[in-house]
Structures are given as structure tokens and as C-alpha cells.
Protein backbone atom coordinates (compact mmCIF):
# COMPACT_ATOMS: atom_id res chain seq x y z
CA MET A 1 0.01 0.00 0.01
CA THR A 2 1.27 3.46 -0.88
CA THR A 3 1.99 5.67 2.12
CA PHE A 4 1.46 9.43 2.41
CA ALA A 5 3.96 10.82 4.96
CA ASP A 6 3.37 14.01 6.91
CA SER A 7 6.39 16.22 7.58
CA SER A 8 6.59 14.96 11.17
CA VAL A 9 7.25 11.50 9.74
CA ILE A 10 9.67 12.70 7.06
CA VAL A 11 11.90 14.24 9.73
CA LYS A 12 12.32 10.75 11.19
CA LEU A 13 14.07 9.69 7.97
CA TYR A 14 16.83 12.13 8.76
CA VAL A 15 16.94 12.29 12.57
CA PRO A 16 17.04 9.23 14.85
CA GLU A 17 14.12 10.14 17.08
CA ALA A 18 11.28 8.02 18.49
CA GLY A 19 9.69 5.94 15.75
CA HIS A 20 12.42 6.42 13.17
CA GLU A 21 13.00 2.68 12.72
CA GLN A 22 9.40 2.08 11.62
CA VAL A 23 9.47 5.09 9.32
CA ARG A 24 12.66 3.97 7.66
CA ARG A 25 11.00 0.62 6.83
CA LEU A 26 8.11 2.23 4.95
CA GLU A 27 7.95 1.38 1.27
CA ARG A 28 9.30 4.01 -1.15
CA PRO A 29 8.49 6.27 -2.75
CA LEU A 30 6.54 8.01 -0.01
CA LEU A 31 3.90 10.46 -1.15
CA ILE A 32 4.49 13.87 0.41
CA SER A 33 2.97 17.30 0.14
CA GLY A 34 4.87 20.09 -1.56
CA LEU A 35 4.43 21.86 1.77
CA ALA A 36 7.05 19.49 3.23
CA THR A 37 9.85 21.50 1.59
CA VAL A 38 9.22 24.25 4.16
CA GLU A 39 8.02 22.16 7.09
CA VAL A 40 10.89 19.66 7.10
CA ALA A 41 13.57 22.33 6.73
CA GLY A 42 11.86 24.33 9.46
CA ALA A 43 11.74 21.31 11.80
CA LEU A 44 15.43 20.54 11.26
CA TRP A 45 16.51 24.14 11.88
CA ARG A 46 14.26 24.21 14.97
CA LYS A 47 16.10 21.16 16.30
CA GLN A 48 19.36 23.05 15.76
CA ARG A 49 18.05 26.11 17.63
CA LEU A 50 16.95 23.86 20.50
CA GLY A 51 20.43 22.34 20.71
CA GLU A 52 19.37 18.90 19.41
CA LEU A 53 21.52 19.26 16.26
CA ASP A 54 24.68 21.20 15.75
CA PRO A 55 24.60 23.78 12.94
CA ALA A 56 26.73 21.75 10.54
CA ASP A 57 24.55 18.64 10.98
CA ALA A 58 21.37 20.66 10.51
CA ALA A 59 22.75 22.19 7.31
CA LEU A 60 23.79 18.75 6.04
CA LEU A 61 20.38 17.24 6.80
CA VAL A 62 18.52 20.12 5.15
CA ARG A 63 20.71 19.72 2.02
CA ALA A 64 20.06 15.95 2.00
CA PHE A 65 16.30 16.46 2.31
CA THR A 66 16.32 19.17 -0.38
CA ALA A 67 18.22 16.88 -2.75
CA ASN A 68 15.80 14.02 -2.06
CA PHE A 69 12.81 16.34 -2.49
CA SER A 70 14.13 17.45 -5.86
CA ASP A 71 14.94 13.87 -6.95
CA VAL A 72 11.42 12.89 -7.92
CA GLY A 73 10.73 9.94 -10.14
CA ASP A 74 11.33 6.22 -9.98
CA ALA A 75 14.68 6.50 -8.19
CA GLY A 76 13.74 9.13 -5.62
CA PRO A 77 12.44 8.47 -2.15
CA PHE A 78 9.47 10.82 -2.56
CA ALA A 79 6.58 11.51 -4.93
CA VAL A 80 5.44 15.08 -4.35
CA VAL A 81 1.80 16.18 -4.33
CA ALA A 82 1.73 19.79 -5.52
CA VAL A 83 -0.25 22.18 -3.32
CA THR A 84 -2.98 23.51 -5.59
CA PRO A 85 -5.72 26.06 -5.00
CA GLU A 86 -8.24 23.18 -4.70
CA ILE A 87 -6.10 21.55 -2.00
CA LEU A 88 -6.01 24.85 -0.11
CA ARG A 89 -9.78 25.22 -0.39
CA HIS A 90 -10.22 21.66 0.88
CA ALA A 91 -7.83 22.40 3.78
CA ALA A 92 -9.95 25.40 4.70
CA ARG A 93 -13.00 23.12 4.87
CA LEU A 94 -11.05 20.56 6.95
CA VAL A 95 -10.20 23.10 9.67
CA ALA A 96 -13.94 23.73 10.08
CA ARG A 97 -14.52 20.01 10.77
CA HIS A 98 -11.37 19.07 12.71
CA PRO A 99 -9.17 20.77 15.34
CA LEU A 100 -6.15 21.04 12.99
CA ARG A 101 -3.38 23.57 12.56
CA ALA A 102 -3.40 25.15 9.10
CA TYR A 103 -0.38 23.26 7.74
CA ASP A 104 -1.72 19.96 9.08
CA ALA A 105 -4.98 20.61 7.19
CA VAL A 106 -2.97 21.19 4.00
CA GLN A 107 -1.13 17.92 4.62
CA LEU A 108 -4.43 16.06 5.05
CA ALA A 109 -5.99 17.69 2.02
CA SER A 110 -2.90 16.73 -0.01
CA ALA A 111 -3.22 13.10 1.10
CA LEU A 112 -6.92 13.04 0.25
CA ALA A 113 -6.24 14.55 -3.18
CA ALA A 114 -3.54 11.92 -3.79
CA GLN A 115 -5.87 9.12 -2.78
CA ALA A 116 -8.60 10.42 -5.11
CA ALA A 117 -6.11 10.78 -8.00
CA LEU A 118 -4.73 7.28 -7.48
CA GLY A 119 -8.16 5.72 -7.02
CA GLU A 120 -6.92 3.44 -4.26
CA ALA A 121 -6.56 3.51 -0.50
CA LEU A 122 -3.47 5.17 0.95
CA ALA A 123 -1.82 4.63 4.29
CA PHE A 124 -1.45 7.94 6.15
CA ALA A 125 1.58 8.39 8.40
CA ALA A 126 1.84 11.26 10.89
CA ALA A 127 3.27 11.69 14.39
CA ASP A 128 0.40 13.88 15.54
CA ARG A 129 -2.72 12.54 17.29
CA ALA A 130 -5.13 15.24 16.10
CA LEU A 131 -3.96 14.89 12.50
CA ASN A 132 -4.21 11.09 12.65
CA ALA A 133 -7.71 11.33 14.12
CA ALA A 134 -8.80 13.71 11.38
CA ALA A 135 -7.25 11.49 8.71
CA ALA A 136 -9.08 8.41 10.05
CA SER A 137 -12.32 10.40 10.23
CA GLU A 138 -11.84 11.36 6.57
CA GLY A 139 -11.45 7.69 5.60
CA LEU A 140 -7.69 7.26 5.36
CA VAL A 141 -6.04 4.14 6.69
CA LEU A 142 -3.48 4.99 9.37
CA ALA A 143 0.06 3.61 9.00
CA VAL A 144 1.08 1.83 12.19
CA LEU A 145 4.02 3.68 13.74
CA ASP A 146 5.11 3.02 17.31
């Protein structure tokens, strides 16, 4: 089953934090939102500001993610779902139904758009309870991550 990975899960591909082993075993390519280009870089730099990564490591990890993000196609680890005006409109409707942060709603709307385009069920992977609850409520199958 194809997996859509939220940015909180993508970070685990680069940083050995809780749950990273399960994330690294997910089948590739992972579907990800175009929004991840900002969210993942932001999360890695935040880890640096909090003292969890030194500046050189943060810069290296951001470069690695950026290269992987740009390497779409059969060989790349990601397939990117572009953030379209329709996805943004759907995200705006999702925040009315679920207690989601704005970017989480865009992630969920991106996953739902990908599922509709593929015409098959997707696994949804996120490290956020509210986002997972909203995804399940919207009919997505949750990927099991410990």
C-alpha cells in the first residue's frame, strides 16, 4: 500500500528520534505534500536552535532532504503532491470540521487529493494525534508507527 507521509514522519528519515526505525521501513516512494519542503527544513533548523543538532549537521540534513525532495521519479524516495488552489480550499473546509493547525490541514488535504487521484486506499503516516484522528475520520487508513 502506498503511504502518504506528513512532515513529522519525514523528519524521522533524517533524525534518529522516536519511531524512526518504523518510518525507515516504509515502502518508497513516499507520497508527500509540496508543503514538506518548508516544514521539514523548518523542523530541522528548529532542532538546531533547541540544541538537538549542531549547525553543521542541521545544514547537512537540510541539504540531503532538499536533494531528495528534488529527486522525484522512480529512483527518488518521494513523490510530491503539488499544493494547488483546490487543496487549499479543501484544507480550509477541513479546519472547520477538525481541530487542525493550518499546515496539518494542508497535509491532510494533499493526502486526500492523492488518494482520489490514485483511485486506491493510501496509508497515512503522521506523528500527531489530532492529525491522525482527522485522517481516520476522513477515511484514510493509518500507518502503524510506534
